[in-house]
N, C-alpha and C. Protein backbone atom coordinates (compact mmCIF):
# COMPACT_ATOMS: atom_id res chain seq x y z
N UNK A 1 18.22 8.49 -35.24
CA UNK A 1 17.31 9.29 -35.02
C UNK A 1 16.14 8.65 -34.52
N UNK A 2 15.52 7.50 -35.25
CA UNK A 2 14.57 6.79 -34.80
C UNK A 2 14.58 6.19 -33.52
N UNK A 3 15.39 5.81 -33.21
CA UNK A 3 15.83 5.39 -31.63
C UNK A 3 15.57 6.40 -30.82
N UNK A 4 15.94 7.63 -30.92
CA UNK A 4 15.86 8.49 -30.08
C UNK A 4 14.66 9.07 -30.06
N UNK A 5 13.61 9.17 -31.04
CA UNK A 5 12.30 9.37 -30.98
C UNK A 5 11.57 8.33 -30.20
N UNK A 6 11.98 7.08 -30.32
CA UNK A 6 11.24 6.15 -29.74
C UNK A 6 11.56 5.86 -28.37
N UNK A 7 12.62 6.30 -28.06
CA UNK A 7 12.91 6.38 -26.44
C UNK A 7 12.35 7.41 -25.83
N UNK A 8 12.25 8.88 -26.51
CA UNK A 8 11.47 9.91 -26.07
C UNK A 8 9.94 9.61 -25.95
N UNK A 9 9.44 8.79 -26.80
CA UNK A 9 7.82 8.29 -26.78
C UNK A 9 7.81 7.54 -25.83
N UNK A 10 8.59 6.64 -25.50
CA UNK A 10 8.24 5.70 -24.21
C UNK A 10 8.63 6.49 -23.04
N UNK A 11 9.38 7.29 -22.94
CA UNK A 11 9.58 8.14 -21.64
C UNK A 11 8.31 8.88 -21.43
N UNK A 12 7.62 9.80 -22.53
CA UNK A 12 6.59 10.42 -22.53
C UNK A 12 5.31 9.91 -21.86
N UNK A 13 5.46 8.52 -22.25
CA UNK A 13 4.07 7.78 -22.52
C UNK A 13 4.37 7.12 -20.96
N UNK A 14 5.52 6.77 -20.33
CA UNK A 14 5.68 6.50 -19.08
C UNK A 14 5.34 7.74 -17.73
N UNK A 15 5.69 8.63 -18.31
CA UNK A 15 5.42 9.92 -17.63
C UNK A 15 3.73 10.28 -17.40
N UNK A 16 3.24 9.83 -18.52
CA UNK A 16 1.71 10.38 -18.88
C UNK A 16 1.16 9.05 -17.81
N UNK A 17 1.62 7.85 -17.84
CA UNK A 17 0.75 6.93 -17.28
C UNK A 17 1.24 7.06 -15.84
N UNK A 18 2.14 7.49 -15.27
CA UNK A 18 2.44 7.57 -13.77
C UNK A 18 1.64 8.64 -13.36
N UNK A 19 1.20 9.90 -14.35
CA UNK A 19 0.42 10.77 -13.70
C UNK A 19 -1.17 10.24 -13.37
N UNK A 20 -1.48 9.41 -14.40
CA UNK A 20 -2.64 8.70 -14.46
C UNK A 20 -2.85 8.09 -13.00
N UNK A 21 -1.70 7.30 -12.87
CA UNK A 21 -1.97 6.27 -11.86
C UNK A 21 -1.90 7.29 -10.32
N UNK A 22 -1.13 8.24 -10.69
CA UNK A 22 -0.79 8.89 -9.34
C UNK A 22 -2.34 9.90 -9.09
N UNK A 23 -2.94 10.39 -10.04
CA UNK A 23 -4.30 10.83 -9.98
C UNK A 23 -5.27 9.89 -9.49
N UNK A 24 -5.25 8.57 -10.07
CA UNK A 24 -6.11 7.47 -9.84
C UNK A 24 -5.89 7.09 -8.08
N UNK A 25 -4.83 6.97 -7.76
CA UNK A 25 -4.77 6.79 -6.36
C UNK A 25 -4.92 7.87 -5.59
N UNK A 26 -4.83 9.15 -5.74
CA UNK A 26 -5.33 10.41 -5.12
C UNK A 26 -6.74 10.32 -5.00
N UNK A 27 -7.53 9.76 -6.11
CA UNK A 27 -9.00 9.98 -6.17
C UNK A 27 -9.45 8.62 -5.26
N UNK A 28 -8.63 7.51 -5.43
CA UNK A 28 -8.95 6.38 -4.56
C UNK A 28 -8.91 6.77 -2.96
N UNK A 29 -7.93 7.18 -2.37
CA UNK A 29 -7.66 7.68 -1.03
C UNK A 29 -8.66 8.43 -0.78
N UNK A 30 -9.11 9.38 -1.54
CA UNK A 30 -10.28 10.38 -1.25
C UNK A 30 -11.28 9.55 -1.09
N UNK A 31 -11.70 8.71 -1.84
CA UNK A 31 -12.87 7.73 -1.80
C UNK A 31 -12.84 7.13 -0.27
N UNK A 32 -11.79 6.16 -0.24
CA UNK A 32 -11.60 5.88 1.26
C UNK A 32 -11.83 6.64 2.23
N UNK A 33 -11.44 7.63 2.31
CA UNK A 33 -11.60 8.61 3.50
C UNK A 33 -12.93 9.22 3.75
N UNK A 34 -13.69 9.32 2.55
CA UNK A 34 -14.97 9.54 2.45
C UNK A 34 -15.93 8.43 2.98
N UNK A 35 -15.61 7.11 3.05
CA UNK A 35 -16.47 6.15 3.27
C UNK A 35 -16.52 6.15 4.74
N UNK A 36 -15.63 6.95 5.75
CA UNK A 36 -16.00 6.88 6.72
C UNK A 36 -14.57 6.45 7.42
N UNK A 37 -13.60 5.49 6.63
CA UNK A 37 -12.48 4.98 7.26
C UNK A 37 -11.75 5.64 7.95
N UNK A 38 -11.41 7.13 7.50
CA UNK A 38 -10.58 7.75 8.34
C UNK A 38 -11.04 7.85 9.77
N UNK A 39 -12.56 7.86 10.01
CA UNK A 39 -12.89 8.10 11.33
C UNK A 39 -12.61 6.99 12.11
N UNK A 40 -12.98 6.08 11.29
CA UNK A 40 -12.76 4.42 11.93
C UNK A 40 -10.88 4.25 12.51
N UNK A 41 -9.89 4.94 11.52
CA UNK A 41 -8.61 4.57 11.95
C UNK A 41 -8.29 5.51 12.99
N UNK A 42 -8.95 6.82 13.05
CA UNK A 42 -8.66 7.80 13.94
C UNK A 42 -9.21 7.35 15.46
N UNK A 43 -10.51 6.52 15.45
CA UNK A 43 -10.79 6.01 16.60
C UNK A 43 -10.03 4.82 17.21
N UNK A 44 -9.57 3.91 16.03
CA UNK A 44 -8.29 2.96 16.56
C UNK A 44 -7.34 3.70 17.27
N UNK A 45 -6.93 4.60 16.63
CA UNK A 45 -5.63 5.34 17.08
C UNK A 45 -6.03 5.74 18.87
N UNK A 46 -6.98 6.41 18.77
CA UNK A 46 -7.45 6.92 20.13
C UNK A 46 -7.39 5.76 21.20
N UNK A 47 -8.24 4.76 21.11
CA UNK A 47 -8.40 3.62 21.67
C UNK A 47 -7.26 3.05 21.96
N UNK A 48 -6.27 2.81 21.30
CA UNK A 48 -5.18 1.90 21.32
C UNK A 48 -4.32 2.96 22.43
N UNK A 49 -4.63 4.05 22.08
CA UNK A 49 -3.73 5.02 22.68
C UNK A 49 -3.98 5.51 24.12
N UNK A 50 -5.26 4.65 24.86
CA UNK A 50 -5.54 4.79 26.06
C UNK A 50 -4.64 4.10 27.02
N UNK A 51 -3.77 2.82 26.29
CA UNK A 51 -2.73 2.30 27.02
C UNK A 51 -1.48 3.05 27.13
N UNK A 52 -1.30 4.30 26.51
CA UNK A 52 -0.24 5.00 26.52
C UNK A 52 -0.50 6.11 27.67
N UNK A 53 0.80 6.27 28.47
CA UNK A 53 1.14 7.39 29.31
C UNK A 53 0.76 8.72 28.77
N UNK A 54 0.33 9.64 29.79
CA UNK A 54 -0.38 11.08 29.67
C UNK A 54 1.15 11.74 28.96
N UNK A 55 2.20 11.40 29.58
CA UNK A 55 3.37 11.99 29.15
C UNK A 55 3.95 11.58 27.72
N UNK A 56 3.59 10.30 27.27
CA UNK A 56 4.10 9.95 25.94
C UNK A 56 2.89 10.02 25.04
N UNK A 57 1.82 10.49 25.33
CA UNK A 57 0.46 10.80 24.46
C UNK A 57 0.79 11.24 23.01
N UNK A 58 1.28 12.40 23.19
CA UNK A 58 1.60 13.39 22.07
C UNK A 58 2.35 12.72 21.14
N UNK A 59 3.73 12.21 21.64
CA UNK A 59 4.25 11.34 20.49
C UNK A 59 3.80 9.93 20.19
N UNK A 60 3.13 9.51 20.88
CA UNK A 60 2.43 8.16 20.22
C UNK A 60 1.48 8.74 19.28
N UNK A 61 0.66 9.89 19.54
CA UNK A 61 -0.44 10.41 18.37
C UNK A 61 0.50 10.64 17.34
N UNK A 62 1.52 11.46 17.28
CA UNK A 62 2.16 12.02 16.20
C UNK A 62 2.70 10.72 15.36
N UNK A 63 3.34 9.66 16.17
CA UNK A 63 3.79 8.51 15.58
C UNK A 63 2.71 7.52 14.55
N UNK A 64 1.39 7.51 15.51
CA UNK A 64 0.55 6.69 14.92
C UNK A 64 -0.04 7.31 13.72
N UNK A 65 -0.10 8.42 13.88
CA UNK A 65 -0.93 9.31 12.59
C UNK A 65 0.18 9.39 11.55
N UNK A 66 1.44 8.91 11.70
CA UNK A 66 2.29 9.05 10.60
C UNK A 66 2.14 7.65 9.78
N UNK A 67 1.39 6.44 10.64
CA UNK A 67 1.31 5.52 9.98
C UNK A 67 0.08 5.34 8.80
N UNK A 68 -0.73 6.32 9.02
CA UNK A 68 -1.88 6.46 8.12
C UNK A 68 -1.60 6.58 6.77
N UNK A 69 -0.96 7.42 6.32
CA UNK A 69 -0.42 7.75 4.67
C UNK A 69 -0.10 6.17 4.08
N UNK A 70 0.87 5.39 5.04
CA UNK A 70 1.15 4.23 4.30
C UNK A 70 0.05 3.20 4.35
N UNK A 71 -0.89 3.26 5.16
CA UNK A 71 -2.31 2.48 5.24
C UNK A 71 -3.10 2.61 3.90
N UNK A 72 -3.43 4.08 3.83
CA UNK A 72 -3.85 4.51 3.07
C UNK A 72 -3.66 4.16 1.31
N UNK A 73 -2.11 4.34 1.29
CA UNK A 73 -1.48 4.00 0.11
C UNK A 73 -1.76 2.27 -0.02
N UNK A 74 -1.75 1.63 0.73
CA UNK A 74 -1.94 0.06 0.38
C UNK A 74 -3.19 -0.19 0.42
N UNK A 75 -4.09 0.53 0.76
CA UNK A 75 -5.80 0.40 0.69
C UNK A 75 -6.05 0.97 -0.59
N UNK A 76 -5.46 1.74 -1.06
CA UNK A 76 -5.63 2.29 -2.30
C UNK A 76 -5.29 1.34 -3.49
N UNK A 77 -4.09 0.80 -3.31
CA UNK A 77 -3.83 -0.31 -4.16
C UNK A 77 -4.81 -1.55 -4.34
N UNK A 78 -5.09 -1.71 -3.06
CA UNK A 78 -6.49 -2.84 -2.99
C UNK A 78 -7.49 -2.58 -3.91
N UNK A 79 -7.78 -1.30 -3.73
CA UNK A 79 -9.26 -0.76 -4.05
C UNK A 79 -9.12 -0.72 -5.69
N UNK A 80 -7.66 -0.09 -6.20
CA UNK A 80 -7.52 -0.09 -7.64
C UNK A 80 -7.60 -1.14 -8.53
N UNK A 81 -7.41 -2.36 -7.59
CA UNK A 81 -7.31 -3.76 -8.36
C UNK A 81 -8.75 -4.04 -8.76
N UNK A 82 -9.66 -3.57 -7.78
CA UNK A 82 -11.07 -3.82 -7.91
C UNK A 82 -11.94 -3.05 -8.64
N UNK A 83 -11.70 -1.90 -8.47
CA UNK A 83 -12.43 -0.52 -9.36
C UNK A 83 -11.68 0.08 -10.25
N UNK A 84 -12.31 0.33 -11.32
CA UNK A 84 -11.66 1.21 -12.36
C UNK A 84 -11.73 2.70 -11.91
N UNK A 85 -10.89 3.47 -12.75
CA UNK A 85 -10.61 4.84 -12.23
C UNK A 85 -12.00 5.39 -12.02
N UNK A 86 -12.68 5.18 -13.36
CA UNK A 86 -14.32 5.84 -13.46
C UNK A 86 -15.36 5.87 -12.43
N UNK A 87 -15.32 4.26 -11.82
CA UNK A 87 -15.72 3.88 -10.82
C UNK A 87 -15.69 4.40 -9.59
N UNK A 88 -14.19 4.63 -9.47
CA UNK A 88 -13.92 5.41 -8.23
C UNK A 88 -14.37 6.79 -8.24
N UNK A 89 -14.33 7.18 -9.37
CA UNK A 89 -15.06 8.83 -9.49
C UNK A 89 -16.39 9.01 -8.89
N UNK A 90 -17.11 7.71 -9.60
CA UNK A 90 -18.66 7.79 -9.25
C UNK A 90 -19.00 7.52 -8.02
N UNK A 91 -17.91 6.96 -7.25
CA UNK A 91 -18.34 6.21 -5.79
C UNK A 91 -18.02 7.71 -4.95
N UNK A 92 -16.79 8.24 -5.37
CA UNK A 92 -16.32 9.73 -4.75
C UNK A 92 -17.69 10.64 -4.73
N UNK A 93 -18.31 10.77 -6.13
CA UNK A 93 -19.44 11.59 -6.39
C UNK A 93 -20.56 11.20 -5.61
N UNK A 94 -20.98 9.91 -5.36
CA UNK A 94 -21.86 9.40 -4.38
C UNK A 94 -21.45 10.00 -2.92
N UNK A 95 -20.44 9.60 -2.49
CA UNK A 95 -20.27 10.02 -0.96
C UNK A 95 -20.13 11.49 -0.70
N UNK A 96 -20.46 11.82 -1.83
CA UNK A 96 -20.42 13.61 -1.60
C UNK A 96 -21.75 14.20 -1.67
N UNK A 97 -22.78 13.23 -1.91
CA UNK A 97 -24.17 13.72 -1.69
C UNK A 97 -24.60 13.21 -0.37
N UNK A 98 -26.02 13.88 -0.39
CA UNK A 98 -26.29 13.74 1.43
C UNK A 98 -26.41 12.07 1.79
N UNK A 99 -27.29 11.42 1.08
CA UNK A 99 -27.13 9.99 1.11
C UNK A 99 -25.80 9.40 1.23
N UNK A 100 -24.77 9.59 0.45
CA UNK A 100 -23.53 9.12 0.79
C UNK A 100 -23.07 9.63 2.02
N UNK A 101 -23.25 10.93 2.49
CA UNK A 101 -22.57 11.30 3.53
C UNK A 101 -23.14 10.52 4.71
N UNK A 102 -24.29 10.30 4.72
CA UNK A 102 -25.16 9.77 5.77
C UNK A 102 -24.73 8.17 5.74
N UNK A 103 -24.20 7.24 4.58
CA UNK A 103 -23.62 6.20 4.63
C UNK A 103 -22.50 5.98 5.56
N UNK A 104 -21.69 7.27 5.18
CA UNK A 104 -20.31 7.15 5.91
C UNK A 104 -20.50 7.49 7.25
N UNK A 105 -21.46 8.19 7.72
CA UNK A 105 -21.40 8.57 8.98
C UNK A 105 -21.78 7.15 9.82
N UNK A 106 -22.63 6.55 9.14
CA UNK A 106 -23.41 5.35 9.94
C UNK A 106 -22.62 3.97 9.89
N UNK A 107 -21.86 4.06 8.63
CA UNK A 107 -20.84 2.63 8.34
C UNK A 107 -20.32 1.82 9.33
N UNK A 108 -19.68 2.69 10.16
CA UNK A 108 -19.05 1.76 11.20
C UNK A 108 -19.66 1.22 12.16
N UNK A 109 -20.62 2.09 12.73
CA UNK A 109 -21.62 1.61 13.65
C UNK A 109 -22.47 0.39 12.84
N UNK A 110 -22.95 0.27 11.77
CA UNK A 110 -23.66 -0.61 11.19
C UNK A 110 -22.62 -1.89 11.04
N UNK A 111 -21.66 -1.58 10.79
CA UNK A 111 -20.31 -2.84 10.29
C UNK A 111 -20.26 -3.60 11.76
N UNK A 112 -20.04 -2.73 12.84
CA UNK A 112 -19.92 -3.23 14.30
C UNK A 112 -21.16 -3.94 14.72
N UNK A 113 -22.65 -3.61 14.62
CA UNK A 113 -23.43 -4.43 14.71
C UNK A 113 -23.37 -5.52 14.28
N UNK A 114 -23.42 -5.37 12.78
CA UNK A 114 -23.41 -6.60 11.85
C UNK A 114 -22.66 -7.57 12.14
N UNK A 115 -21.44 -7.06 12.72
CA UNK A 115 -20.37 -8.05 13.04
C UNK A 115 -20.88 -9.07 14.42
N UNK A 116 -21.56 -8.22 15.22
CA UNK A 116 -22.18 -9.02 16.32
C UNK A 116 -23.25 -9.90 15.99
N UNK A 117 -24.06 -9.61 15.17
CA UNK A 117 -25.37 -10.49 14.71
C UNK A 117 -24.66 -11.39 13.99
N UNK A 118 -23.43 -11.33 13.08
CA UNK A 118 -22.86 -12.35 12.57
C UNK A 118 -22.15 -13.41 13.73
N UNK A 119 -21.58 -13.00 14.61
CA UNK A 119 -21.26 -13.92 15.64
C UNK A 119 -22.19 -14.52 16.37
N UNK A 120 -23.26 -14.20 16.78
CA UNK A 120 -24.40 -14.48 17.41
C UNK A 120 -24.98 -15.47 16.50
N UNK A 121 -24.83 -15.46 15.28
CA UNK A 121 -25.34 -16.56 14.33
C UNK A 121 -24.59 -17.69 14.10
N UNK A 122 -23.08 -17.15 14.10
CA UNK A 122 -22.45 -18.55 14.53
C UNK A 122 -22.42 -19.29 15.37
N UNK A 123 -22.61 -18.62 16.53
CA UNK A 123 -23.10 -19.52 17.52
C UNK A 123 -24.04 -20.30 17.50
N UNK A 124 -25.44 -19.87 17.03
CA UNK A 124 -26.40 -20.53 16.84
C UNK A 124 -26.25 -21.57 15.78
N UNK A 125 -25.53 -21.65 14.73
CA UNK A 125 -25.28 -22.33 14.04
C UNK A 125 -24.41 -23.70 14.32
N UNK A 126 -23.45 -23.30 15.47
CA UNK A 126 -22.64 -24.59 16.04
C UNK A 126 -23.37 -25.17 17.01
N UNK A 127 -24.28 -24.36 17.39
CA UNK A 127 -25.50 -25.34 18.43
C UNK A 127 -26.48 -26.47 17.52
N UNK A 128 -26.43 -25.89 16.18
CA UNK A 128 -27.52 -26.99 15.27
C UNK A 128 -26.30 -27.79 14.83
N UNK A 129 -25.46 -27.55 14.87
CA UNK A 129 -24.22 -28.49 14.11
C UNK A 129 -23.92 -29.50 15.24
N UNK A 130 -24.02 -29.20 16.57
CA UNK A 130 -23.55 -30.07 17.40
C UNK A 130 -24.93 -31.23 17.62
N UNK A 131 -25.89 -30.66 17.27
CA UNK A 131 -26.99 -31.62 17.61
C UNK A 131 -27.00 -32.79 16.51
N UNK A 132 -26.14 -32.97 15.37
CA UNK A 132 -26.15 -33.52 14.36
C UNK A 132 -24.87 -34.27 14.59
N UNK A 133 -24.21 -34.05 15.54
CA UNK A 133 -22.66 -34.85 15.77
C UNK A 133 -22.94 -36.31 16.16
């Protein structure tokens, strides 16, 4: 009888933990989408899709969009290693504010511009380093 109760307890515990993890992942995916990543992924699908003929564009879009669930799942796993569920909830709440929405809207553009600045700075550093060879 004790063994049956122990097994039952372990099964119930595992189910509860799976539900907690599932909810955590769902919240994390919501956070990722709120940050503007969804728009960036859609943009990438569209840009890469310019190489696809008009006759195949619909099939391409369907297959490309089907890859997003797997990508969100992997990204959620990554974020879940760095943030607690409580932190993700706070981030989701922030991205629902006006300021959070503004950040999400501007994030892709800011990242792209920042990367260009970083590349330019890197070239400047290379020039400085070459002076000291």
